[in-house]
Amino acid sequence: MKLSNILIFSTQISLILFLSFEQIKVRWEISILYGNQDKINLEYQNLKEEEYKLKTEVYFLNSPARVEKYAKEKLFMQKVKPKIIKIEK
């Protein structure tokens, strides 16, 4: 009976040690994942800011006033005035 008690006790101790190490490993992995999440959130915010800047630049570059100014200054284009045609009966 004494040998079986020692065997059960040693099995319980080894199981407790194993589970303790597993718990430490899982907590370590969770802390690493939280760190990764912070990095990903920071990168996401930076990308959102970059997207906002690029959208602003697109709206600026495609604005009608800027396109007209570029056409006049760089391409030497002129605004054509429409001809008025009168039709008499």
PDB file of N, CA and C in Angstrom:
ATOM      1  N   MET A   1       0.819  -1.191   0.000  1.00  0.00           N
ATOM      2  CA  MET A   1       0.000   0.000   0.000  1.00  0.00           C
ATOM      3  C   MET A   1       0.861   1.252   0.000  1.00  0.00           C
ATOM      4  N   LYS A   2       1.945   1.179   0.677  1.00  0.00           N
ATOM      5  CA  LYS A   2       2.808   2.339   0.780  1.00  0.00           C
ATOM      6  C   LYS A   2       3.427   2.693  -0.568  1.00  0.00           C
ATOM      7  N   LEU A   3       3.797   1.696  -1.345  1.00  0.00           N
ATOM      8  CA  LEU A   3       4.389   1.923  -2.661  1.00  0.00           C
ATOM      9  C   LEU A   3       3.385   2.572  -3.609  1.00  0.00           C
ATOM     10  N   SER A   4       2.141   2.154  -3.549  1.00  0.00           N
ATOM     11  CA  SER A   4       1.106   2.755  -4.399  1.00  0.00           C
ATOM     12  C   SER A   4       0.853   4.208  -4.009  1.00  0.00           C
ATOM     13  N   ASN A   5       0.912   4.519  -2.730  1.00  0.00           N
ATOM     14  CA  ASN A   5       0.745   5.912  -2.290  1.00  0.00           C
ATOM     15  C   ASN A   5       1.893   6.786  -2.792  1.00  0.00           C
ATOM     16  N   ILE A   6       3.096   6.254  -2.754  1.00  0.00           N
ATOM     17  CA  ILE A   6       4.253   7.006  -3.249  1.00  0.00           C
ATOM     18  C   ILE A   6       4.135   7.207  -4.756  1.00  0.00           C
ATOM     19  N   LEU A   7       3.688   6.210  -5.472  1.00  0.00           N
ATOM     20  CA  LEU A   7       3.507   6.309  -6.917  1.00  0.00           C
ATOM     21  C   LEU A   7       2.440   7.348  -7.264  1.00  0.00           C
ATOM     22  N   ILE A   8       1.342   7.334  -6.569  1.00  0.00           N
ATOM     23  CA  ILE A   8       0.268   8.316  -6.798  1.00  0.00           C
ATOM     24  C   ILE A   8       0.762   9.721  -6.470  1.00  0.00           C
ATOM     25  N   PHE A   9       1.468   9.856  -5.369  1.00  0.00           N
ATOM     26  CA  PHE A   9       1.989  11.162  -4.967  1.00  0.00           C
ATOM     27  C   PHE A   9       2.993  11.697  -5.998  1.00  0.00           C
ATOM     28  N   SER A  10       3.896  10.870  -6.469  1.00  0.00           N
ATOM     29  CA  SER A  10       4.880  11.311  -7.466  1.00  0.00           C
ATOM     30  C   SER A  10       4.200  11.648  -8.793  1.00  0.00           C
ATOM     31  N   THR A  11       3.175  10.905  -9.152  1.00  0.00           N
ATOM     32  CA  THR A  11       2.411  11.212 -10.364  1.00  0.00           C
ATOM     33  C   THR A  11       1.720  12.564 -10.233  1.00  0.00           C
ATOM     34  N   GLN A  12       1.151  12.842  -9.095  1.00  0.00           N
ATOM     35  CA  GLN A  12       0.486  14.127  -8.868  1.00  0.00           C
ATOM     36  C   GLN A  12       1.491  15.276  -8.921  1.00  0.00           C
ATOM     37  N   ILE A  13       2.643  15.094  -8.306  1.00  0.00           N
ATOM     38  CA  ILE A  13       3.673  16.139  -8.316  1.00  0.00           C
ATOM     39  C   ILE A  13       4.156  16.395  -9.741  1.00  0.00           C
ATOM     40  N   SER A  14       4.410  15.332 -10.486  1.00  0.00           N
ATOM     41  CA  SER A  14       4.880  15.503 -11.868  1.00  0.00           C
ATOM     42  C   SER A  14       3.804  16.165 -12.727  1.00  0.00           C
ATOM     43  N   LEU A  15       2.551  15.825 -12.511  1.00  0.00           N
ATOM     44  CA  LEU A  15       1.456  16.454 -13.250  1.00  0.00           C
ATOM     45  C   LEU A  15       1.346  17.935 -12.902  1.00  0.00           C
ATOM     46  N   ILE A  16       1.485  18.267 -11.632  1.00  0.00           N
ATOM     47  CA  ILE A  16       1.441  19.673 -11.202  1.00  0.00           C
ATOM     48  C   ILE A  16       2.591  20.449 -11.829  1.00  0.00           C
ATOM     49  N   LEU A  17       3.787  19.874 -11.842  1.00  0.00           N
ATOM     50  CA  LEU A  17       4.936  20.540 -12.461  1.00  0.00           C
ATOM     51  C   LEU A  17       4.717  20.747 -13.958  1.00  0.00           C
ATOM     52  N   PHE A  18       4.244  19.720 -14.635  1.00  0.00           N
ATOM     53  CA  PHE A  18       3.990  19.828 -16.072  1.00  0.00           C
ATOM     54  C   PHE A  18       2.978  20.924 -16.369  1.00  0.00           C
ATOM     55  N   LEU A  19       1.879  20.936 -15.623  1.00  0.00           N
ATOM     56  CA  LEU A  19       0.844  21.948 -15.858  1.00  0.00           C
ATOM     57  C   LEU A  19       1.334  23.347 -15.507  1.00  0.00           C
ATOM     58  N   SER A  20       2.186  23.462 -14.518  1.00  0.00           N
ATOM     59  CA  SER A  20       2.754  24.768 -14.167  1.00  0.00           C
ATOM     60  C   SER A  20       3.618  25.296 -15.304  1.00  0.00           C
ATOM     61  N   PHE A  21       4.445  24.417 -15.873  1.00  0.00           N
ATOM     62  CA  PHE A  21       5.272  24.842 -17.006  1.00  0.00           C
ATOM     63  C   PHE A  21       4.413  25.208 -18.215  1.00  0.00           C
ATOM     64  N   GLU A  22       3.370  24.472 -18.447  1.00  0.00           N
ATOM     65  CA  GLU A  22       2.462  24.792 -19.551  1.00  0.00           C
ATOM     66  C   GLU A  22       1.789  26.142 -19.325  1.00  0.00           C
ATOM     67  N   GLN A  23       1.405  26.420 -18.098  1.00  0.00           N
ATOM     68  CA  GLN A  23       0.776  27.702 -17.779  1.00  0.00           C
ATOM     69  C   GLN A  23       1.757  28.845 -18.022  1.00  0.00           C
ATOM     70  N   ILE A  24       2.995  28.674 -17.618  1.00  0.00           N
ATOM     71  CA  ILE A  24       4.017  29.702 -17.850  1.00  0.00           C
ATOM     72  C   ILE A  24       4.212  29.913 -19.345  1.00  0.00           C
ATOM     73  N   LYS A  25       4.255  28.825 -20.115  1.00  0.00           N
ATOM     74  CA  LYS A  25       4.428  28.925 -21.563  1.00  0.00           C
ATOM     75  C   LYS A  25       3.262  29.666 -22.213  1.00  0.00           C
ATOM     76  N   VAL A  26       2.044  29.350 -21.805  1.00  0.00           N
ATOM     77  CA  VAL A  26       0.858  29.998 -22.375  1.00  0.00           C
ATOM     78  C   VAL A  26       0.834  31.483 -22.025  1.00  0.00           C
ATOM     79  N   ARG A  27       1.174  31.828 -20.800  1.00  0.00           N
ATOM     80  CA  ARG A  27       1.205  33.246 -20.413  1.00  0.00           C
ATOM     81  C   ARG A  27       2.262  34.001 -21.206  1.00  0.00           C
ATOM     82  N   TRP A  28       3.393  33.358 -21.444  1.00  0.00           N
ATOM     83  CA  TRP A  28       4.451  33.983 -22.236  1.00  0.00           C
ATOM     84  C   TRP A  28       3.963  34.236 -23.665  1.00  0.00           C
ATOM     85  N   GLU A  29       3.293  33.264 -24.261  1.00  0.00           N
ATOM     86  CA  GLU A  29       2.765  33.426 -25.611  1.00  0.00           C
ATOM     87  C   GLU A  29       1.708  34.520 -25.666  1.00  0.00           C
ATOM     88  N   ILE A  30       0.887  34.614 -24.643  1.00  0.00           N
ATOM     89  CA  ILE A  30      -0.139  35.662 -24.598  1.00  0.00           C
ATOM     90  C   ILE A  30       0.515  37.035 -24.529  1.00  0.00           C
ATOM     91  N   SER A  31       1.562  37.180 -23.729  1.00  0.00           N
ATOM     92  CA  SER A  31       2.239  38.479 -23.639  1.00  0.00           C
ATOM     93  C   SER A  31       2.877  38.853 -24.974  1.00  0.00           C
ATOM     94  N   ILE A  32       3.419  37.872 -25.679  1.00  0.00           N
ATOM     95  CA  ILE A  32       3.986  38.141 -27.005  1.00  0.00           C
ATOM     96  C   ILE A  32       2.889  38.576 -27.968  1.00  0.00           C
ATOM     97  N   LEU A  33       1.737  37.927 -27.909  1.00  0.00           N
ATOM     98  CA  LEU A  33       0.625  38.284 -28.793  1.00  0.00           C
ATOM     99  C   LEU A  33       0.101  39.683 -28.505  1.00  0.00           C
ATOM    100  N   TYR A  34       0.055  40.077 -27.222  1.00  0.00           N
ATOM    101  CA  TYR A  34      -0.356  41.445 -26.898  1.00  0.00           C
ATOM    102  C   TYR A  34       0.630  42.451 -27.474  1.00  0.00           C
ATOM    103  N   GLY A  35       1.918  42.135 -27.405  1.00  0.00           N
ATOM    104  CA  GLY A  35       2.926  43.010 -28.002  1.00  0.00           C
ATOM    105  C   GLY A  35       2.747  43.125 -29.502  1.00  0.00           C
ATOM    106  N   ASN A  36       2.469  42.001 -30.153  1.00  0.00           N
ATOM    107  CA  ASN A  36       2.228  42.020 -31.595  1.00  0.00           C
ATOM    108  C   ASN A  36       0.982  42.828 -31.932  1.00  0.00           C
ATOM    109  N   GLN A  37      -0.043  42.715 -31.108  1.00  0.00           N
ATOM    110  CA  GLN A  37      -1.277  43.459 -31.349  1.00  0.00           C
ATOM    111  C   GLN A  37      -1.017  44.959 -31.260  1.00  0.00           C
ATOM    112  N   ASP A  38      -0.214  45.384 -30.304  1.00  0.00           N
ATOM    113  CA  ASP A  38       0.116  46.805 -30.187  1.00  0.00           C
ATOM    114  C   ASP A  38       0.857  47.293 -31.430  1.00  0.00           C
ATOM    115  N   LYS A  39       1.804  46.491 -31.914  1.00  0.00           N
ATOM    116  CA  LYS A  39       2.542  46.869 -33.124  1.00  0.00           C
ATOM    117  C   LYS A  39       1.611  46.952 -34.327  1.00  0.00           C
ATOM    118  N   ILE A  40       0.701  45.997 -34.436  1.00  0.00           N
ATOM    119  CA  ILE A  40      -0.233  45.987 -35.565  1.00  0.00           C
ATOM    120  C   ILE A  40      -1.174  47.188 -35.491  1.00  0.00           C
ATOM    121  N   ASN A  41      -1.656  47.528 -34.298  1.00  0.00           N
ATOM    122  CA  ASN A  41      -2.527  48.698 -34.154  1.00  0.00           C
ATOM    123  C   ASN A  41      -1.793  49.977 -34.525  1.00  0.00           C
ATOM    124  N   LEU A  42      -0.529  50.097 -34.133  1.00  0.00           N
ATOM    125  CA  LEU A  42       0.265  51.273 -34.479  1.00  0.00           C
ATOM    126  C   LEU A  42       0.463  51.351 -35.986  1.00  0.00           C
ATOM    127  N   GLU A  43       0.774  50.239 -36.606  1.00  0.00           N
ATOM    128  CA  GLU A  43       0.955  50.217 -38.057  1.00  0.00           C
ATOM    129  C   GLU A  43      -0.358  50.548 -38.768  1.00  0.00           C
ATOM    130  N   TYR A  44      -1.474  50.069 -38.240  1.00  0.00           N
ATOM    131  CA  TYR A  44      -2.787  50.368 -38.821  1.00  0.00           C
ATOM    132  C   TYR A  44      -3.072  51.870 -38.772  1.00  0.00           C
ATOM    133  N   GLN A  45      -2.775  52.494 -37.636  1.00  0.00           N
ATOM    134  CA  GLN A  45      -2.990  53.938 -37.514  1.00  0.00           C
ATOM    135  C   GLN A  45      -2.106  54.705 -38.501  1.00  0.00           C
ATOM    136  N   ASN A  46      -0.853  54.274 -38.646  1.00  0.00           N
ATOM    137  CA  ASN A  46       0.045  54.926 -39.600  1.00  0.00           C
ATOM    138  C   ASN A  46      -0.467  54.778 -41.026  1.00  0.00           C
ATOM    139  N   LEU A  47      -0.987  53.610 -41.357  1.00  0.00           N
ATOM    140  CA  LEU A  47      -1.528  53.394 -42.698  1.00  0.00           C
ATOM    141  C   LEU A  47      -2.786  54.225 -42.933  1.00  0.00           C
ATOM    142  N   LYS A  48      -3.620  54.378 -41.903  1.00  0.00           N
ATOM    143  CA  LYS A  48      -4.817  55.227 -42.042  1.00  0.00           C
ATOM    144  C   LYS A  48      -4.417  56.679 -42.302  1.00  0.00           C
ATOM    145  N   GLU A  49      -3.384  57.157 -41.590  1.00  0.00           N
ATOM    146  CA  GLU A  49      -2.906  58.521 -41.810  1.00  0.00           C
ATOM    147  C   GLU A  49      -2.350  58.677 -43.223  1.00  0.00           C
ATOM    148  N   GLU A  50      -1.597  57.688 -43.679  1.00  0.00           N
ATOM    149  CA  GLU A  50      -1.033  57.730 -45.029  1.00  0.00           C
ATOM    150  C   GLU A  50      -2.149  57.715 -46.074  1.00  0.00           C
ATOM    151  N   GLU A  51      -3.186  56.909 -45.842  1.00  0.00           N
ATOM    152  CA  GLU A  51      -4.325  56.871 -46.758  1.00  0.00           C
ATOM    153  C   GLU A  51      -5.012  58.234 -46.815  1.00  0.00           C
ATOM    154  N   TYR A  52      -5.173  58.872 -45.659  1.00  0.00           N
ATOM    155  CA  TYR A  52      -5.807  60.192 -45.614  1.00  0.00           C
ATOM    156  C   TYR A  52      -4.986  61.210 -46.404  1.00  0.00           C
ATOM    157  N   LYS A  53      -3.663  61.165 -46.231  1.00  0.00           N
ATOM    158  CA  LYS A  53      -2.796  62.096 -46.964  1.00  0.00           C
ATOM    159  C   LYS A  53      -2.887  61.852 -48.463  1.00  0.00           C
ATOM    160  N   LEU A  54      -2.898  60.583 -48.864  1.00  0.00           N
ATOM    161  CA  LEU A  54      -2.967  60.264 -50.288  1.00  0.00           C
ATOM    162  C   LEU A  54      -4.314  60.661 -50.896  1.00  0.00           C
ATOM    163  N   LYS A  55      -5.396  60.452 -50.156  1.00  0.00           N
ATOM    164  CA  LYS A  55      -6.708  60.879 -50.664  1.00  0.00           C
ATOM    165  C   LYS A  55      -6.758  62.391 -50.822  1.00  0.00           C
ATOM    166  N   THR A  56      -6.195  63.103 -49.847  1.00  0.00           N
ATOM    167  CA  THR A  56      -6.149  64.561 -49.936  1.00  0.00           C
ATOM    168  C   THR A  56      -5.350  64.989 -51.156  1.00  0.00           C
ATOM    169  N   GLU A  57      -4.227  64.329 -51.396  1.00  0.00           N
ATOM    170  CA  GLU A  57      -3.399  64.664 -52.547  1.00  0.00           C
ATOM    171  C   GLU A  57      -4.130  64.385 -53.855  1.00  0.00           C
ATOM    172  N   VAL A  58      -4.878  63.286 -53.916  1.00  0.00           N
ATOM    173  CA  VAL A  58      -5.642  62.962 -55.125  1.00  0.00           C
ATOM    174  C   VAL A  58      -6.695  64.029 -55.384  1.00  0.00           C
ATOM    175  N   TYR A  59      -7.421  64.435 -54.347  1.00  0.00           N
ATOM    176  CA  TYR A  59      -8.434  65.478 -54.526  1.00  0.00           C
ATOM    177  C   TYR A  59      -7.794  66.785 -54.970  1.00  0.00           C
ATOM    178  N   PHE A  60      -6.621  67.098 -54.430  1.00  0.00           N
ATOM    179  CA  PHE A  60      -5.925  68.321 -54.821  1.00  0.00           C
ATOM    180  C   PHE A  60      -5.478  68.240 -56.278  1.00  0.00           C
ATOM    181  N   LEU A  61      -4.883  67.116 -56.661  1.00  0.00           N
ATOM    182  CA  LEU A  61      -4.364  66.988 -58.024  1.00  0.00           C
ATOM    183  C   LEU A  61      -5.479  66.943 -59.062  1.00  0.00           C
ATOM    184  N   ASN A  62      -6.643  66.449 -58.695  1.00  0.00           N
ATOM    185  CA  ASN A  62      -7.751  66.350 -59.645  1.00  0.00           C
ATOM    186  C   ASN A  62      -8.730  67.514 -59.562  1.00  0.00           C
ATOM    187  N   SER A  63      -8.393  68.533 -58.805  1.00  0.00           N
ATOM    188  CA  SER A  63      -9.326  69.656 -58.688  1.00  0.00           C
ATOM    189  C   SER A  63      -9.412  70.389 -60.030  1.00  0.00           C
ATOM    190  N   PRO A  64     -10.614  70.801 -60.417  1.00  0.00           N
ATOM    191  CA  PRO A  64     -10.797  71.462 -61.713  1.00  0.00           C
ATOM    192  C   PRO A  64      -9.960  72.734 -61.864  1.00  0.00           C
ATOM    193  N   ALA A  65      -9.822  73.510 -60.803  1.00  0.00           N
ATOM    194  CA  ALA A  65      -9.039  74.741 -60.890  1.00  0.00           C
ATOM    195  C   ALA A  65      -7.570  74.430 -61.174  1.00  0.00           C
ATOM    196  N   ARG A  66      -7.034  73.426 -60.546  1.00  0.00           N
ATOM    197  CA  ARG A  66      -5.632  73.064 -60.762  1.00  0.00           C
ATOM    198  C   ARG A  66      -5.425  72.502 -62.167  1.00  0.00           C
ATOM    199  N   VAL A  67      -6.356  71.699 -62.637  1.00  0.00           N
ATOM    200  CA  VAL A  67      -6.249  71.141 -63.989  1.00  0.00           C
ATOM    201  C   VAL A  67      -6.298  72.261 -65.020  1.00  0.00           C
ATOM    202  N   GLU A  68      -7.181  73.213 -64.811  1.00  0.00           N
ATOM    203  CA  GLU A  68      -7.283  74.342 -65.737  1.00  0.00           C
ATOM    204  C   GLU A  68      -6.003  75.178 -65.721  1.00  0.00           C
ATOM    205  N   LYS A  69      -5.466  75.437 -64.554  1.00  0.00           N
ATOM    206  CA  LYS A  69      -4.224  76.210 -64.431  1.00  0.00           C
ATOM    207  C   LYS A  69      -3.073  75.483 -65.126  1.00  0.00           C
ATOM    208  N   TYR A  70      -2.990  74.177 -64.929  1.00  0.00           N
ATOM    209  CA  TYR A  70      -1.928  73.388 -65.565  1.00  0.00           C
ATOM    210  C   TYR A  70      -2.075  73.429 -67.087  1.00  0.00           C
ATOM    211  N   ALA A  71      -3.313  73.317 -67.573  1.00  0.00           N
ATOM    212  CA  ALA A  71      -3.553  73.336 -69.015  1.00  0.00           C
ATOM    213  C   ALA A  71      -3.146  74.676 -69.616  1.00  0.00           C
ATOM    214  N   LYS A  72      -3.419  75.750 -68.915  1.00  0.00           N
ATOM    215  CA  LYS A  72      -3.070  77.075 -69.435  1.00  0.00           C
ATOM    216  C   LYS A  72      -1.567  77.324 -69.386  1.00  0.00           C
ATOM    217  N   GLU A  73      -0.926  77.018 -68.254  1.00  0.00           N
ATOM    218  CA  GLU A  73       0.479  77.369 -68.071  1.00  0.00           C
ATOM    219  C   GLU A  73       1.433  76.388 -68.750  1.00  0.00           C
ATOM    220  N   LYS A  74       1.208  75.123 -68.621  1.00  0.00           N
ATOM    221  CA  LYS A  74       2.166  74.131 -69.120  1.00  0.00           C
ATOM    222  C   LYS A  74       1.871  73.690 -70.553  1.00  0.00           C
ATOM    223  N   LEU A  75       0.610  73.560 -70.878  1.00  0.00           N
ATOM    224  CA  LEU A  75       0.238  73.058 -72.200  1.00  0.00           C
ATOM    225  C   LEU A  75      -0.178  74.175 -73.152  1.00  0.00           C
ATOM    226  N   PHE A  76      -0.194  75.392 -72.658  1.00  0.00           N
ATOM    227  CA  PHE A  76      -0.548  76.584 -73.439  1.00  0.00           C
ATOM    228  C   PHE A  76      -1.902  76.431 -74.118  1.00  0.00           C
ATOM    229  N   MET A  77      -2.836  75.897 -73.404  1.00  0.00           N
ATOM    230  CA  MET A  77      -4.187  75.748 -73.925  1.00  0.00           C
ATOM    231  C   MET A  77      -4.981  76.998 -73.563  1.00  0.00           C
ATOM    232  N   GLN A  78      -5.978  77.266 -74.354  1.00  0.00           N
ATOM    233  CA  GLN A  78      -6.829  78.417 -74.092  1.00  0.00           C
ATOM    234  C   GLN A  78      -8.272  77.953 -74.006  1.00  0.00           C
ATOM    235  N   LYS A  79      -9.014  78.706 -73.236  1.00  0.00           N
ATOM    236  CA  LYS A  79     -10.428  78.403 -73.117  1.00  0.00           C
ATOM    237  C   LYS A  79     -11.124  78.923 -74.374  1.00  0.00           C
ATOM    238  N   VAL A  80     -11.836  78.050 -75.017  1.00  0.00           N
ATOM    239  CA  VAL A  80     -12.529  78.423 -76.248  1.00  0.00           C
ATOM    240  C   VAL A  80     -13.909  78.938 -75.882  1.00  0.00           C
ATOM    241  N   LYS A  81     -14.190  80.118 -76.414  1.00  0.00           N
ATOM    242  CA  LYS A  81     -15.520  80.677 -76.182  1.00  0.00           C
ATOM    243  C   LYS A  81     -16.450  80.103 -77.247  1.00  0.00           C
ATOM    244  N   PRO A  82     -17.608  79.670 -76.845  1.00  0.00           N
ATOM    245  CA  PRO A  82     -18.525  79.082 -77.830  1.00  0.00           C
ATOM    246  C   PRO A  82     -19.045  80.141 -78.802  1.00  0.00           C
ATOM    247  N   LYS A  83     -19.193  79.728 -80.042  1.00  0.00           N
ATOM    248  CA  LYS A  83     -19.737  80.635 -81.057  1.00  0.00           C
ATOM    249  C   LYS A  83     -21.252  80.653 -80.917  1.00  0.00           C
ATOM    250  N   ILE A  84     -21.787  81.829 -81.028  1.00  0.00           N
ATOM    251  CA  ILE A  84     -23.238  81.983 -80.928  1.00  0.00           C
ATOM    252  C   ILE A  84     -23.793  82.050 -82.347  1.00  0.00           C
ATOM    253  N   ILE A  85     -24.671  81.166 -82.634  1.00  0.00           N
ATOM    254  CA  ILE A  85     -25.280  81.108 -83.964  1.00  0.00           C
ATOM    255  C   ILE A  85     -26.749  81.478 -83.815  1.00  0.00           C
ATOM    256  N   LYS A  86     -27.127  82.508 -84.537  1.00  0.00           N
ATOM    257  CA  LYS A  86     -28.523  82.933 -84.501  1.00  0.00           C
ATOM    258  C   LYS A  86     -29.228  82.383 -85.733  1.00  0.00           C
ATOM    259  N   ILE A  87     -30.350  81.789 -85.482  1.00  0.00           N
ATOM    260  CA  ILE A  87     -31.153  81.257 -86.576  1.00  0.00           C
ATOM    261  C   ILE A  87     -32.407  82.116 -86.662  1.00  0.00           C
ATOM    262  N   GLU A  88     -32.557  82.749 -87.807  1.00  0.00           N
ATOM    263  CA  GLU A  88     -33.724  83.611 -87.995  1.00  0.00           C
ATOM    264  C   GLU A  88     -34.723  82.909 -88.905  1.00  0.00           C
ATOM    265  N   LYS A  89     -35.974  83.112 -88.598  1.00  0.00           N
ATOM    266  CA  LYS A  89     -37.027  82.489 -89.398  1.00  0.00           C
ATOM    267  C   LYS A  89     -37.547  83.415 -90.434  1.00  0.00           C
TER     268      LYS A  89
END
